[in-house]
Amino acid sequence: MYAVIETGGKQYRVQEGDVIFVEKLAQDPDTVVEFDRVLLVGKEDGVKLGTPVVQEAKVTAKVLEQGKGPKIIGLKYKAKSNYRRRYGHRQPYTKVQIEGILA
């Protein structure tokens, strides 16, 4: 069984046991989080498509860790005016492990 969930403005295709990185959630490690925006549920007998979400479908996941991604270097530059600015950014993420899909 698999499902397509939406969180943080992105969509993820997940199965039980998958480990995914999602946009930062306000949860502590070792807590259980539920994703209720399930867009699609695929089973052996067919696919259940939501309009826009599948009613009474949930995906439960365990928060493994909170972290930051790799540093991205940005640069602003204007010609002929001696203007240069360099900045860095690290996107925060939450690492979760899918525990169950309830359809």
Protein backbone atom coordinates (compact mmCIF):
# COMPACT_ATOMS: atom_id res chain seq x y z
CA MET A 1 0.00 0.00 0.00
CA TYR A 2 1.22 3.50 -0.77
CA ALA A 3 -0.09 7.04 -0.41
CA VAL A 4 0.57 10.53 -1.70
CA ILE A 5 0.60 13.11 1.09
CA GLU A 6 0.94 16.88 1.08
CA THR A 7 2.92 18.78 3.68
CA GLY A 8 4.84 22.03 3.54
CA GLY A 9 3.51 22.79 0.05
CA LYS A 10 5.10 19.66 -1.40
CA GLN A 11 3.79 16.21 -2.26
CA TYR A 12 5.45 12.93 -1.29
CA ARG A 13 4.76 9.35 -2.36
CA VAL A 14 5.24 7.22 0.76
CA GLN A 15 5.04 3.60 1.85
CA GLU A 16 5.30 2.05 5.28
CA GLY A 17 8.90 2.17 6.51
CA ASP A 18 10.02 5.03 4.23
CA VAL A 19 12.23 7.78 5.68
CA ILE A 20 11.62 11.21 4.14
CA PHE A 21 12.77 14.78 4.72
CA VAL A 22 9.91 17.28 4.93
CA GLU A 23 9.72 21.00 5.63
CA LYS A 24 10.28 21.78 9.31
CA LEU A 25 7.49 20.64 11.64
CA ALA A 26 7.07 21.96 15.18
CA GLN A 27 7.47 18.51 16.75
CA ASP A 28 10.07 17.06 19.07
CA PRO A 29 12.04 13.92 18.14
CA ASP A 30 10.41 10.55 19.00
CA THR A 31 6.88 11.97 18.74
CA VAL A 32 4.20 10.72 16.37
CA VAL A 33 2.75 13.10 13.78
CA GLU A 34 -0.31 12.52 11.58
CA PHE A 35 -0.61 13.73 8.01
CA ASP A 36 -4.29 14.12 7.19
CA ARG A 37 -3.89 15.69 3.75
CA VAL A 38 -3.77 12.40 1.86
CA LEU A 39 -4.31 13.00 -1.85
CA LEU A 40 -4.20 9.40 -3.09
CA VAL A 41 -4.16 5.90 -1.64
CA GLY A 42 -2.97 2.97 -3.74
CA LYS A 43 -3.85 -0.60 -2.77
CA GLU A 44 -3.57 -4.00 -4.42
CA ASP A 45 -7.15 -3.76 -5.71
CA GLY A 46 -6.91 -0.23 -7.14
CA VAL A 47 -6.35 3.45 -6.48
CA LYS A 48 -8.51 5.75 -4.36
CA LEU A 49 -8.20 9.35 -5.55
CA GLY A 50 -9.29 12.28 -3.40
CA THR A 51 -11.14 15.42 -4.43
CA PRO A 52 -8.85 17.06 -3.24
CA VAL A 53 -8.20 14.77 -0.24
CA VAL A 54 -9.29 11.22 0.58
CA GLN A 55 -11.84 11.33 3.41
CA GLU A 56 -10.86 9.59 6.67
CA ALA A 57 -7.40 8.68 5.39
CA LYS A 58 -4.34 9.35 7.57
CA VAL A 59 -0.65 8.65 7.44
CA THR A 60 1.18 8.36 10.76
CA ALA A 61 4.89 9.01 11.04
CA LYS A 62 7.53 9.16 13.77
CA VAL A 63 9.80 12.20 13.96
CA LEU A 64 13.41 11.03 13.90
CA GLU A 65 15.30 14.32 13.99
CA GLN A 66 15.29 18.03 13.28
CA GLY A 67 18.14 19.41 11.21
CA LYS A 68 19.40 21.82 8.62
CA GLY A 69 20.30 21.13 5.01
CA PRO A 70 23.56 22.01 3.27
CA LYS A 71 24.63 25.63 3.09
CA ILE A 72 23.62 27.49 -0.07
CA ILE A 73 25.76 30.49 -0.93
CA GLY A 74 24.04 33.50 -2.49
CA LEU A 75 25.61 36.59 -3.98
CA LYS A 76 24.32 40.05 -4.86
CA TYR A 77 26.36 42.12 -7.27
CA LYS A 78 25.87 45.44 -9.03
CA ALA A 79 28.28 46.41 -11.75
CA LYS A 80 30.25 49.67 -11.65
CA SER A 81 29.12 50.61 -8.14
CA ASN A 82 31.41 48.46 -5.95
CA TYR A 83 28.42 46.62 -4.40
CA ARG A 84 28.92 42.99 -3.43
CA ARG A 85 27.03 41.02 -0.78
CA ARG A 86 27.53 37.35 0.01
CA TYR A 87 25.09 35.43 2.18
CA GLY A 88 24.43 31.86 3.19
CA HIS A 89 21.24 29.90 3.85
CA ARG A 90 20.53 26.51 5.43
CA GLN A 91 16.99 25.21 5.00
CA PRO A 92 15.59 23.54 8.14
CA TYR A 93 14.00 20.10 7.74
CA THR A 94 12.34 17.33 9.74
CA LYS A 95 13.31 13.71 9.15
CA VAL A 96 10.32 11.38 9.59
CA GLN A 97 9.74 7.63 9.24
CA ILE A 98 6.36 6.48 7.94
CA GLU A 99 4.75 4.05 10.39
CA GLY A 100 1.31 3.40 8.98
CA ILE A 101 -1.26 4.26 6.30
CA LEU A 102 -4.89 4.24 7.36
CA ALA A 103 -7.35 4.24 4.47
